[in-house]
């Protein structure tokens, strides 16, 4: 009996450790997707109608999202590109970011100012490469010291729509690899994130007819002490829309539990 309890306790500790690591990795994934690759530039902004001038994202305090208690403000140019972003945590401004793009609408420059942190800042520069059809095929992102932080490669197209790419994020000598594929409707079909000594996270998506995410099936495999531990989740999403057809509230239900408000979008139009 003691051995059984010990095994259960050991497995519980491993699961808690893994969930903490997974939470950090999901947040890392969100941050990577958010401000580097213009195709999914801030994943909560890529479905907007009627060219808004400003959007405020606010994560619900009571939600289990990794960014709960955070708020993000965005200003857009005439073409729908994000020119400015401000991040706020518990009413305190944390960062301000400025973006610049080339004539094709692909990001080439980003400057992030860390507020109340000795006025420090970070600069990212992006080199974009194109094929003979003027389609983006590779991006290399480096900091002001010339250190490469991100490589987006193997961009594959079908009927001029992006269908697949690989993203390598480099940090502290470690590499995190993301494989992302899109369906024929040009919506994200799946994401596979390879991390943690051979472990991975595989997310498959289902959509409403209007293109909003209906469900995400998350399959995780972590390797701790040479043991393979699978942890799976299903997330369902529900939306409330404004008169422009843009959603302004998003609810989530995890593993068929209680529906909970996750995120609000306050949208300003011209």
C-alpha atoms as a PDB file:
ATOM      1  CA  UNK A   1       0.000   0.000   0.000  1.00  0.00           C
ATOM      2  CA  UNK A   2       2.842   2.375   0.879  1.00  0.00           C
ATOM      3  CA  UNK A   3       4.528   1.605  -2.455  1.00  0.00           C
ATOM      4  CA  UNK A   4       1.258   2.268  -4.301  1.00  0.00           C
ATOM      5  CA  UNK A   5       0.799   5.644  -2.557  1.00  0.00           C
ATOM      6  CA  UNK A   6       4.402   6.563  -3.288  1.00  0.00           C
ATOM      7  CA  UNK A   7       3.969   5.754  -6.984  1.00  0.00           C
ATOM      8  CA  UNK A   8       0.784   7.820  -7.170  1.00  0.00           C
ATOM      9  CA  UNK A   9       2.473  10.731  -5.401  1.00  0.00           C
ATOM     10  CA  UNK A  10       5.504  10.488  -7.698  1.00  0.00           C
ATOM     11  CA  UNK A  11       3.294  10.527 -10.786  1.00  0.00           C
ATOM     12  CA  UNK A  12       1.334  13.491  -9.427  1.00  0.00           C
ATOM     13  CA  UNK A  13       4.541  15.465  -8.855  1.00  0.00           C
ATOM     14  CA  UNK A  14       5.720  14.646 -12.376  1.00  0.00           C
ATOM     15  CA  UNK A  15       2.397  15.759 -13.800  1.00  0.00           C
ATOM     16  CA  UNK A  16       2.515  19.053 -11.880  1.00  0.00           C
ATOM     17  CA  UNK A  17       6.076  19.677 -13.059  1.00  0.00           C
ATOM     18  CA  UNK A  18       5.077  18.925 -16.616  1.00  0.00           C
ATOM     19  CA  UNK A  19       2.007  21.168 -16.515  1.00  0.00           C
ATOM     20  CA  UNK A  20       4.152  24.046 -15.280  1.00  0.00           C
ATOM     21  CA  UNK A  21       6.641  23.435 -18.097  1.00  0.00           C
ATOM     22  CA  UNK A  22       3.848  23.090 -20.627  1.00  0.00           C
ATOM     23  CA  UNK A  23       2.272  26.334 -19.445  1.00  0.00           C
ATOM     24  CA  UNK A  24       5.539  28.159 -20.023  1.00  0.00           C
ATOM     25  CA  UNK A  25       5.955  26.548 -23.429  1.00  0.00           C
ATOM     26  CA  UNK A  26       2.445  27.505 -24.542  1.00  0.00           C
ATOM     27  CA  UNK A  27       3.140  31.070 -23.446  1.00  0.00           C
ATOM     28  CA  UNK A  28       6.426  30.928 -25.366  1.00  0.00           C
ATOM     29  CA  UNK A  29       4.542  29.676 -28.414  1.00  0.00           C
ATOM     30  CA  UNK A  30       2.067  32.532 -28.149  1.00  0.00           C
ATOM     31  CA  UNK A  31       4.820  35.118 -27.868  1.00  0.00           C
ATOM     32  CA  UNK A  32       6.667  33.662 -30.843  1.00  0.00           C
ATOM     33  CA  UNK A  33       3.539  33.676 -32.987  1.00  0.00           C
ATOM     34  CA  UNK A  34       2.611  37.112 -31.812  1.00  0.00           C
ATOM     35  CA  UNK A  35       5.253  39.508 -33.034  1.00  0.00           C
ATOM     36  CA  UNK A  36       7.500  37.874 -35.624  1.00  0.00           C
ATOM     37  CA  UNK A  37       5.599  36.312 -38.477  1.00  0.00           C
ATOM     38  CA  UNK A  38       3.123  38.657 -40.176  1.00  0.00           C
ATOM     39  CA  UNK A  39       0.980  35.776 -41.475  1.00  0.00           C
ATOM     40  CA  UNK A  40      -0.188  35.106 -37.903  1.00  0.00           C
ATOM     41  CA  UNK A  41       0.723  38.465 -36.424  1.00  0.00           C
ATOM     42  CA  UNK A  42      -0.892  38.331 -32.998  1.00  0.00           C
ATOM     43  CA  UNK A  43      -3.073  35.297 -33.431  1.00  0.00           C
ATOM     44  CA  UNK A  44      -6.083  37.009 -31.887  1.00  0.00           C
ATOM     45  CA  UNK A  45      -6.022  39.761 -34.528  1.00  0.00           C
ATOM     46  CA  UNK A  46      -5.817  37.903 -37.830  1.00  0.00           C
ATOM     47  CA  UNK A  47      -9.574  37.608 -38.393  1.00  0.00           C
ATOM     48  CA  UNK A  48     -10.657  41.255 -38.146  1.00  0.00           C
ATOM     49  CA  UNK A  49     -13.221  42.788 -40.514  1.00  0.00           C
ATOM     50  CA  UNK A  50     -13.701  46.440 -41.569  1.00  0.00           C
ATOM     51  CA  UNK A  51     -10.143  47.678 -40.856  1.00  0.00           C
ATOM     52  CA  UNK A  52     -10.257  48.712 -37.190  1.00  0.00           C
ATOM     53  CA  UNK A  53      -7.862  51.412 -35.994  1.00  0.00           C
ATOM     54  CA  UNK A  54      -7.425  50.058 -32.473  1.00  0.00           C
ATOM     55  CA  UNK A  55      -7.983  46.777 -30.641  1.00  0.00           C
ATOM     56  CA  UNK A  56      -7.648  46.090 -26.930  1.00  0.00           C
ATOM     57  CA  UNK A  57      -7.292  42.456 -25.847  1.00  0.00           C
ATOM     58  CA  UNK A  58      -8.068  41.735 -22.226  1.00  0.00           C
ATOM     59  CA  UNK A  59      -7.693  38.290 -20.692  1.00  0.00           C
ATOM     60  CA  UNK A  60     -10.187  37.441 -17.985  1.00  0.00           C
ATOM     61  CA  UNK A  61      -8.802  37.389 -14.450  1.00  0.00           C
ATOM     62  CA  UNK A  62     -10.557  34.168 -13.556  1.00  0.00           C
ATOM     63  CA  UNK A  63      -9.547  32.275 -16.682  1.00  0.00           C
ATOM     64  CA  UNK A  64      -6.864  29.605 -16.745  1.00  0.00           C
ATOM     65  CA  UNK A  65      -5.126  31.255 -19.683  1.00  0.00           C
ATOM     66  CA  UNK A  66      -1.409  31.880 -19.252  1.00  0.00           C
ATOM     67  CA  UNK A  67      -1.968  35.589 -19.911  1.00  0.00           C
ATOM     68  CA  UNK A  68      -4.771  36.166 -17.405  1.00  0.00           C
ATOM     69  CA  UNK A  69      -4.555  39.642 -15.817  1.00  0.00           C
ATOM     70  CA  UNK A  70      -2.852  40.942 -18.980  1.00  0.00           C
ATOM     71  CA  UNK A  71      -4.146  43.525 -21.442  1.00  0.00           C
ATOM     72  CA  UNK A  72      -2.719  44.359 -24.874  1.00  0.00           C
ATOM     73  CA  UNK A  73      -3.419  47.482 -26.921  1.00  0.00           C
ATOM     74  CA  UNK A  74      -2.814  47.628 -30.688  1.00  0.00           C
ATOM     75  CA  UNK A  75      -2.852  50.454 -33.216  1.00  0.00           C
ATOM     76  CA  UNK A  76      -3.163  49.658 -36.943  1.00  0.00           C
ATOM     77  CA  UNK A  77      -2.131  51.386 -40.161  1.00  0.00           C
ATOM     78  CA  UNK A  78      -4.310  51.775 -43.261  1.00  0.00           C
ATOM     79  CA  UNK A  79      -3.326  48.311 -44.517  1.00  0.00           C
ATOM     80  CA  UNK A  80      -4.186  46.519 -41.279  1.00  0.00           C
ATOM     81  CA  UNK A  81      -0.602  46.143 -40.050  1.00  0.00           C
ATOM     82  CA  UNK A  82       0.083  46.588 -36.350  1.00  0.00           C
ATOM     83  CA  UNK A  83       2.170  49.738 -35.881  1.00  0.00           C
ATOM     84  CA  UNK A  84       2.201  49.913 -32.102  1.00  0.00           C
ATOM     85  CA  UNK A  85       1.551  47.559 -29.210  1.00  0.00           C
ATOM     86  CA  UNK A  86       1.400  48.232 -25.494  1.00  0.00           C
ATOM     87  CA  UNK A  87       1.289  45.421 -22.924  1.00  0.00           C
ATOM     88  CA  UNK A  88      -0.230  46.050 -19.504  1.00  0.00           C
ATOM     89  CA  UNK A  89      -0.165  43.781 -16.476  1.00  0.00           C
ATOM     90  CA  UNK A  90      -2.429  44.609 -13.552  1.00  0.00           C
ATOM     91  CA  UNK A  91      -2.796  48.232 -14.774  1.00  0.00           C
ATOM     92  CA  UNK A  92       0.958  48.655 -15.066  1.00  0.00           C
ATOM     93  CA  UNK A  93       2.496  49.301 -18.497  1.00  0.00           C
ATOM     94  CA  UNK A  94       5.185  46.688 -19.066  1.00  0.00           C
ATOM     95  CA  UNK A  95       6.307  47.125 -22.688  1.00  0.00           C
ATOM     96  CA  UNK A  96       5.725  49.281 -25.741  1.00  0.00           C
ATOM     97  CA  UNK A  97       6.571  47.968 -29.208  1.00  0.00           C
ATOM     98  CA  UNK A  98       6.929  49.643 -32.590  1.00  0.00           C
ATOM     99  CA  UNK A  99       6.835  47.816 -35.929  1.00  0.00           C
ATOM    100  CA  UNK A 100       7.916  48.556 -39.482  1.00  0.00           C
ATOM    101  CA  UNK A 101       7.135  46.643 -42.686  1.00  0.00           C
ATOM    102  CA  UNK A 102       8.386  46.390 -46.245  1.00  0.00           C
ATOM    103  CA  UNK A 103       6.288  47.158 -49.316  1.00  0.00           C
ATOM    104  CA  UNK A 104       4.936  43.579 -49.299  1.00  0.00           C
ATOM    105  CA  UNK A 105       3.577  43.925 -45.778  1.00  0.00           C
ATOM    106  CA  UNK A 106       6.162  41.643 -44.158  1.00  0.00           C
ATOM    107  CA  UNK A 107       7.738  42.797 -40.932  1.00  0.00           C
ATOM    108  CA  UNK A 108      11.362  44.018 -41.130  1.00  0.00           C
ATOM    109  CA  UNK A 109      11.908  45.855 -37.847  1.00  0.00           C
ATOM    110  CA  UNK A 110      10.607  45.725 -34.293  1.00  0.00           C
ATOM    111  CA  UNK A 111      11.623  47.761 -31.271  1.00  0.00           C
ATOM    112  CA  UNK A 112      10.438  46.843 -27.804  1.00  0.00           C
ATOM    113  CA  UNK A 113      10.837  49.267 -24.890  1.00  0.00           C
ATOM    114  CA  UNK A 114      10.679  47.807 -21.389  1.00  0.00           C
ATOM    115  CA  UNK A 115       8.951  50.403 -19.246  1.00  0.00           C
ATOM    116  CA  UNK A 116      10.244  51.039 -15.701  1.00  0.00           C
ATOM    117  CA  UNK A 117      13.190  48.744 -16.309  1.00  0.00           C
ATOM    118  CA  UNK A 118      16.086  51.161 -16.585  1.00  0.00           C
ATOM    119  CA  UNK A 119      14.652  52.314 -19.912  1.00  0.00           C
ATOM    120  CA  UNK A 120      16.038  49.189 -21.567  1.00  0.00           C
ATOM    121  CA  UNK A 121      14.974  48.174 -25.061  1.00  0.00           C
ATOM    122  CA  UNK A 122      15.337  45.369 -27.571  1.00  0.00           C
ATOM    123  CA  UNK A 123      15.558  45.571 -31.351  1.00  0.00           C
ATOM    124  CA  UNK A 124      14.711  42.763 -33.753  1.00  0.00           C
ATOM    125  CA  UNK A 125      15.499  42.841 -37.474  1.00  0.00           C
ATOM    126  CA  UNK A 126      13.974  40.447 -39.988  1.00  0.00           C
ATOM    127  CA  UNK A 127      15.480  39.407 -43.325  1.00  0.00           C
ATOM    128  CA  UNK A 128      12.788  38.194 -45.734  1.00  0.00           C
ATOM    129  CA  UNK A 129      13.461  35.970 -48.742  1.00  0.00           C
ATOM    130  CA  UNK A 130      11.027  35.392 -51.622  1.00  0.00           C
ATOM    131  CA  UNK A 131      10.596  32.938 -54.484  1.00  0.00           C
ATOM    132  CA  UNK A 132      10.202  33.744 -58.184  1.00  0.00           C
ATOM    133  CA  UNK A 133       6.466  34.309 -57.600  1.00  0.00           C
ATOM    134  CA  UNK A 134       7.215  36.954 -54.968  1.00  0.00           C
ATOM    135  CA  UNK A 135       6.018  34.681 -52.161  1.00  0.00           C
ATOM    136  CA  UNK A 136       7.726  34.648 -48.787  1.00  0.00           C
ATOM    137  CA  UNK A 137       9.821  31.486 -48.366  1.00  0.00           C
ATOM    138  CA  UNK A 138      12.101  32.273 -45.433  1.00  0.00           C
ATOM    139  CA  UNK A 139      12.528  34.705 -42.536  1.00  0.00           C
ATOM    140  CA  UNK A 140      15.578  35.150 -40.327  1.00  0.00           C
ATOM    141  CA  UNK A 141      15.159  37.213 -37.168  1.00  0.00           C
ATOM    142  CA  UNK A 142      18.141  38.529 -35.227  1.00  0.00           C
ATOM    143  CA  UNK A 143      18.730  40.980 -32.409  1.00  0.00           C
ATOM    144  CA  UNK A 144      20.837  44.130 -32.418  1.00  0.00           C
ATOM    145  CA  UNK A 145      23.937  42.030 -31.662  1.00  0.00           C
ATOM    146  CA  UNK A 146      23.449  39.897 -34.772  1.00  0.00           C
ATOM    147  CA  UNK A 147      22.392  36.835 -32.785  1.00  0.00           C
ATOM    148  CA  UNK A 148      19.840  34.748 -34.699  1.00  0.00           C
ATOM    149  CA  UNK A 149      16.736  34.137 -32.580  1.00  0.00           C
ATOM    150  CA  UNK A 150      14.256  32.709 -35.038  1.00  0.00           C
ATOM    151  CA  UNK A 151      14.305  31.006 -38.430  1.00  0.00           C
ATOM    152  CA  UNK A 152      11.082  30.434 -40.352  1.00  0.00           C
ATOM    153  CA  UNK A 153      11.698  28.106 -43.272  1.00  0.00           C
ATOM    154  CA  UNK A 154      10.191  25.523 -45.631  1.00  0.00           C
ATOM    155  CA  UNK A 155       7.218  27.738 -46.444  1.00  0.00           C
ATOM    156  CA  UNK A 156       5.016  25.752 -48.794  1.00  0.00           C
ATOM    157  CA  UNK A 157       2.125  27.085 -50.849  1.00  0.00           C
ATOM    158  CA  UNK A 158      -0.918  25.641 -52.588  1.00  0.00           C
ATOM    159  CA  UNK A 159      -2.874  27.898 -54.952  1.00  0.00           C
ATOM    160  CA  UNK A 160      -0.873  30.813 -53.507  1.00  0.00           C
ATOM    161  CA  UNK A 161      -2.093  30.047 -49.977  1.00  0.00           C
ATOM    162  CA  UNK A 162       0.358  29.113 -47.251  1.00  0.00           C
ATOM    163  CA  UNK A 163      -0.089  25.446 -46.336  1.00  0.00           C
ATOM    164  CA  UNK A 164       2.969  24.613 -44.220  1.00  0.00           C
ATOM    165  CA  UNK A 165       6.094  26.002 -42.576  1.00  0.00           C
ATOM    166  CA  UNK A 166       8.712  25.187 -39.943  1.00  0.00           C
ATOM    167  CA  UNK A 167       9.715  27.617 -37.230  1.00  0.00           C
ATOM    168  CA  UNK A 168      12.925  27.179 -35.184  1.00  0.00           C
ATOM    169  CA  UNK A 169      13.180  29.341 -32.086  1.00  0.00           C
ATOM    170  CA  UNK A 170      16.674  29.543 -30.611  1.00  0.00           C
ATOM    171  CA  UNK A 171      17.230  30.532 -26.989  1.00  0.00           C
ATOM    172  CA  UNK A 172      20.068  29.919 -24.530  1.00  0.00           C
ATOM    173  CA  UNK A 173      21.575  27.268 -26.739  1.00  0.00           C
ATOM    174  CA  UNK A 174      18.291  25.362 -27.024  1.00  0.00           C
ATOM    175  CA  UNK A 175      16.042  24.966 -30.053  1.00  0.00           C
ATOM    176  CA  UNK A 176      12.254  24.770 -30.060  1.00  0.00           C
ATOM    177  CA  UNK A 177      10.774  23.573 -33.349  1.00  0.00           C
ATOM    178  CA  UNK A 178       7.224  24.273 -34.502  1.00  0.00           C
ATOM    179  CA  UNK A 179       5.572  22.635 -37.525  1.00  0.00           C
ATOM    180  CA  UNK A 180       2.412  24.464 -38.602  1.00  0.00           C
ATOM    181  CA  UNK A 181       0.079  23.405 -41.407  1.00  0.00           C
ATOM    182  CA  UNK A 182      -2.969  25.090 -42.961  1.00  0.00           C
ATOM    183  CA  UNK A 183      -6.025  23.592 -44.655  1.00  0.00           C
ATOM    184  CA  UNK A 184      -7.492  24.541 -48.046  1.00  0.00           C
ATOM    185  CA  UNK A 185      -9.448  27.372 -46.412  1.00  0.00           C
ATOM    186  CA  UNK A 186      -6.140  28.903 -45.303  1.00  0.00           C
ATOM    187  CA  UNK A 187      -6.904  28.327 -41.629  1.00  0.00           C
ATOM    188  CA  UNK A 188      -4.448  26.761 -39.197  1.00  0.00           C
ATOM    189  CA  UNK A 189      -4.973  23.005 -39.259  1.00  0.00           C
ATOM    190  CA  UNK A 190      -2.389  21.754 -36.794  1.00  0.00           C
ATOM    191  CA  UNK A 191       0.634  22.774 -34.755  1.00  0.00           C
ATOM    192  CA  UNK A 192       3.321  20.393 -33.549  1.00  0.00           C
ATOM    193  CA  UNK A 193       5.843  21.732 -31.052  1.00  0.00           C
ATOM    194  CA  UNK A 194       8.928  19.586 -30.405  1.00  0.00           C
ATOM    195  CA  UNK A 195      10.575  20.289 -27.051  1.00  0.00           C
ATOM    196  CA  UNK A 196      11.846  18.774 -23.848  1.00  0.00           C
ATOM    197  CA  UNK A 197      14.125  15.872 -24.776  1.00  0.00           C
ATOM    198  CA  UNK A 198      11.878  14.384 -27.424  1.00  0.00           C
ATOM    199  CA  UNK A 199       8.550  15.385 -25.919  1.00  0.00           C
ATOM    200  CA  UNK A 200       6.023  17.275 -28.008  1.00  0.00           C
ATOM    201  CA  UNK A 201       2.704  19.089 -28.088  1.00  0.00           C
ATOM    202  CA  UNK A 202       0.376  18.384 -31.016  1.00  0.00           C
ATOM    203  CA  UNK A 203      -2.676  20.630 -31.472  1.00  0.00           C
ATOM    204  CA  UNK A 204      -5.382  19.903 -34.066  1.00  0.00           C
ATOM    205  CA  UNK A 205      -8.121  22.453 -34.759  1.00  0.00           C
ATOM    206  CA  UNK A 206     -11.767  22.387 -35.837  1.00  0.00           C
ATOM    207  CA  UNK A 207     -13.585  25.511 -37.064  1.00  0.00           C
ATOM    208  CA  UNK A 208     -17.004  27.098 -37.303  1.00  0.00           C
ATOM    209  CA  UNK A 209     -18.214  27.908 -40.829  1.00  0.00           C
ATOM    210  CA  UNK A 210     -17.151  31.558 -40.316  1.00  0.00           C
ATOM    211  CA  UNK A 211     -13.558  30.482 -39.689  1.00  0.00           C
ATOM    212  CA  UNK A 212     -13.486  30.891 -35.901  1.00  0.00           C
ATOM    213  CA  UNK A 213     -11.903  28.097 -33.867  1.00  0.00           C
ATOM    214  CA  UNK A 214     -14.537  25.669 -32.598  1.00  0.00           C
ATOM    215  CA  UNK A 215     -12.319  23.139 -30.879  1.00  0.00           C
ATOM    216  CA  UNK A 216      -8.661  22.348 -30.281  1.00  0.00           C
ATOM    217  CA  UNK A 217      -7.538  18.816 -29.506  1.00  0.00           C
ATOM    218  CA  UNK A 218      -4.273  18.990 -27.571  1.00  0.00           C
ATOM    219  CA  UNK A 219      -2.079  15.919 -27.241  1.00  0.00           C
ATOM    220  CA  UNK A 220       1.023  16.245 -25.074  1.00  0.00           C
ATOM    221  CA  UNK A 221       3.888  13.852 -24.552  1.00  0.00           C
ATOM    222  CA  UNK A 222       6.548  14.731 -22.014  1.00  0.00           C
ATOM    223  CA  UNK A 223       9.583  12.696 -21.098  1.00  0.00           C
ATOM    224  CA  UNK A 224      10.679  12.955 -17.453  1.00  0.00           C
ATOM    225  CA  UNK A 225      13.241  10.588 -15.951  1.00  0.00           C
ATOM    226  CA  UNK A 226      13.090   8.585 -19.212  1.00  0.00           C
ATOM    227  CA  UNK A 227       9.340   8.006 -18.718  1.00  0.00           C
ATOM    228  CA  UNK A 228       6.858   8.966 -21.475  1.00  0.00           C
ATOM    229  CA  UNK A 229       3.838  10.711 -19.927  1.00  0.00           C
ATOM    230  CA  UNK A 230       0.878  11.539 -22.226  1.00  0.00           C
ATOM    231  CA  UNK A 231      -1.527  14.304 -21.150  1.00  0.00           C
ATOM    232  CA  UNK A 232      -4.405  15.183 -23.477  1.00  0.00           C
ATOM    233  CA  UNK A 233      -6.989  17.972 -23.416  1.00  0.00           C
ATOM    234  CA  UNK A 234      -9.939  19.131 -25.497  1.00  0.00           C
ATOM    235  CA  UNK A 235     -10.826  22.833 -25.600  1.00  0.00           C
ATOM    236  CA  UNK A 236     -14.112  24.151 -27.027  1.00  0.00           C
ATOM    237  CA  UNK A 237     -14.636  27.825 -27.901  1.00  0.00           C
ATOM    238  CA  UNK A 238     -17.748  30.023 -27.996  1.00  0.00           C
ATOM    239  CA  UNK A 239     -18.042  33.613 -29.283  1.00  0.00           C
ATOM    240  CA  UNK A 240     -20.136  36.779 -29.032  1.00  0.00           C
ATOM    241  CA  UNK A 241     -19.949  39.131 -32.058  1.00  0.00           C
ATOM    242  CA  UNK A 242     -20.418  42.841 -32.754  1.00  0.00           C
ATOM    243  CA  UNK A 243     -22.343  44.271 -35.728  1.00  0.00           C
ATOM    244  CA  UNK A 244     -19.184  44.177 -37.890  1.00  0.00           C
ATOM    245  CA  UNK A 245     -18.969  40.411 -37.551  1.00  0.00           C
ATOM    246  CA  UNK A 246     -15.927  40.534 -35.256  1.00  0.00           C
ATOM    247  CA  UNK A 247     -16.024  38.589 -32.023  1.00  0.00           C
ATOM    248  CA  UNK A 248     -15.735  40.659 -28.856  1.00  0.00           C
ATOM    249  CA  UNK A 249     -15.915  37.891 -26.243  1.00  0.00           C
ATOM    250  CA  UNK A 250     -14.478  34.394 -26.347  1.00  0.00           C
ATOM    251  CA  UNK A 251     -15.449  31.636 -23.934  1.00  0.00           C
ATOM    252  CA  UNK A 252     -13.609  28.352 -23.443  1.00  0.00           C
ATOM    253  CA  UNK A 253     -14.637  24.960 -22.050  1.00  0.00           C
ATOM    254  CA  UNK A 254     -11.856  22.540 -21.140  1.00  0.00           C
ATOM    255  CA  UNK A 255     -12.463  18.787 -21.211  1.00  0.00           C
ATOM    256  CA  UNK A 256     -16.247  19.339 -21.391  1.00  0.00           C
ATOM    257  CA  UNK A 257     -16.289  21.170 -18.074  1.00  0.00           C
ATOM    258  CA  UNK A 258     -17.761  24.577 -17.236  1.00  0.00           C
ATOM    259  CA  UNK A 259     -17.809  27.282 -19.921  1.00  0.00           C
ATOM    260  CA  UNK A 260     -15.668  30.255 -18.856  1.00  0.00           C
ATOM    261  CA  UNK A 261     -14.963  33.725 -20.237  1.00  0.00           C
ATOM    262  CA  UNK A 262     -11.380  33.725 -21.502  1.00  0.00           C
ATOM    263  CA  UNK A 263     -10.859  36.876 -23.535  1.00  0.00           C
ATOM    264  CA  UNK A 264     -12.465  40.192 -24.515  1.00  0.00           C
ATOM    265  CA  UNK A 265     -11.729  42.359 -27.558  1.00  0.00           C
ATOM    266  CA  UNK A 266     -12.607  46.055 -27.526  1.00  0.00           C
ATOM    267  CA  UNK A 267     -12.517  47.204 -31.155  1.00  0.00           C
ATOM    268  CA  UNK A 268     -12.411  50.789 -32.441  1.00  0.00           C
ATOM    269  CA  UNK A 269     -13.325  51.444 -36.076  1.00  0.00           C
ATOM    270  CA  UNK A 270     -12.652  54.373 -38.387  1.00  0.00           C
END
